[in-house]
């Protein structure tokens, strides 16, 4: 069944985002990320007090591939 689309406005679209207009059977966005963060990086809340002394984040990773795209889609 055809889709009737009016005016659209796209503010932003990320690198792993999907923008589709009209009929669609399946959309599968795919993204893999690896995050390194030091002590106290992901703390949230009101009135938060974090005290870190001599924080070191080791970003060395001995394996070359953590999760590959092979076999996807």
Protein backbone atom coordinates (compact mmCIF):
# COMPACT_ATOMS: atom_id res chain seq x y z
CA UNK A 1 0.00 0.00 0.00
CA UNK A 2 1.59 3.30 -1.03
CA UNK A 3 2.45 5.82 1.64
CA UNK A 4 1.54 9.48 1.29
CA UNK A 5 4.23 11.61 2.90
CA UNK A 6 3.91 15.29 3.67
CA UNK A 7 6.68 17.71 4.50
CA UNK A 8 9.56 16.31 6.56
CA UNK A 9 12.32 17.98 8.54
CA UNK A 10 15.48 16.07 9.49
CA UNK A 11 17.49 17.74 12.21
CA UNK A 12 20.31 15.19 12.31
CA UNK A 13 21.06 11.65 11.28
CA UNK A 14 23.94 9.75 12.87
CA UNK A 15 26.39 7.42 11.16
CA UNK A 16 24.45 4.30 12.20
CA UNK A 17 21.01 5.86 11.86
CA UNK A 18 18.34 4.98 9.33
CA UNK A 19 16.02 7.36 7.52
CA UNK A 20 13.30 5.77 5.46
CA UNK A 21 10.27 7.35 3.86
CA UNK A 22 7.51 5.16 2.48
CA UNK A 23 6.74 1.46 2.70
CA UNK A 24 9.30 -0.85 4.26
CA UNK A 25 9.46 -4.50 5.24
CA UNK A 26 12.47 -4.44 7.57
CA UNK A 27 15.03 -1.90 8.76
CA UNK A 28 18.11 -3.14 10.62
CA UNK A 29 20.54 -0.43 11.70
CA UNK A 30 23.87 -1.91 12.72
CA UNK A 31 26.53 -0.34 14.89
CA UNK A 32 29.36 -1.55 17.11
CA UNK A 33 31.28 0.70 19.47
CA UNK A 34 33.98 0.32 22.07
CA UNK A 35 34.08 2.79 24.93
CA UNK A 36 36.93 3.54 27.29
CA UNK A 37 36.25 5.76 30.29
CA UNK A 38 38.06 6.59 33.49
CA UNK A 39 36.84 6.47 37.06
CA UNK A 40 33.71 8.52 37.66
CA UNK A 41 32.94 8.98 33.95
CA UNK A 42 29.37 7.68 33.79
CA UNK A 43 28.07 8.99 37.11
CA UNK A 44 24.70 10.75 36.98
CA UNK A 45 22.45 12.36 39.54
CA UNK A 46 21.69 15.54 41.44
CA UNK A 47 24.28 16.84 43.92
CA UNK A 48 26.86 14.25 42.89
CA UNK A 49 30.33 14.48 44.43
CA UNK A 50 33.05 12.29 42.93
CA UNK A 51 36.63 12.26 44.15
CA UNK A 52 39.18 10.28 42.14
CA UNK A 53 42.86 10.21 42.90
CA UNK A 54 45.41 8.95 40.37
CA UNK A 55 42.85 7.45 38.00
CA UNK A 56 44.34 5.57 35.04
CA UNK A 57 42.36 4.02 32.20
CA UNK A 58 44.14 1.23 30.33
CA UNK A 59 43.07 1.32 26.68
CA UNK A 60 45.46 -1.37 25.42
CA UNK A 61 43.61 -4.28 23.86
CA UNK A 62 45.61 -7.32 22.75
CA UNK A 63 43.06 -8.80 20.34
CA UNK A 64 42.65 -7.20 16.93
CA UNK A 65 38.93 -7.83 16.44
CA UNK A 66 36.40 -7.67 19.28
CA UNK A 67 33.20 -8.14 17.29
CA UNK A 68 33.26 -8.25 13.51
CA UNK A 69 30.63 -7.39 10.90
CA UNK A 70 31.15 -10.74 9.15
CA UNK A 71 27.94 -12.67 8.57
CA UNK A 72 25.64 -9.74 9.42
CA UNK A 73 22.76 -8.80 7.13
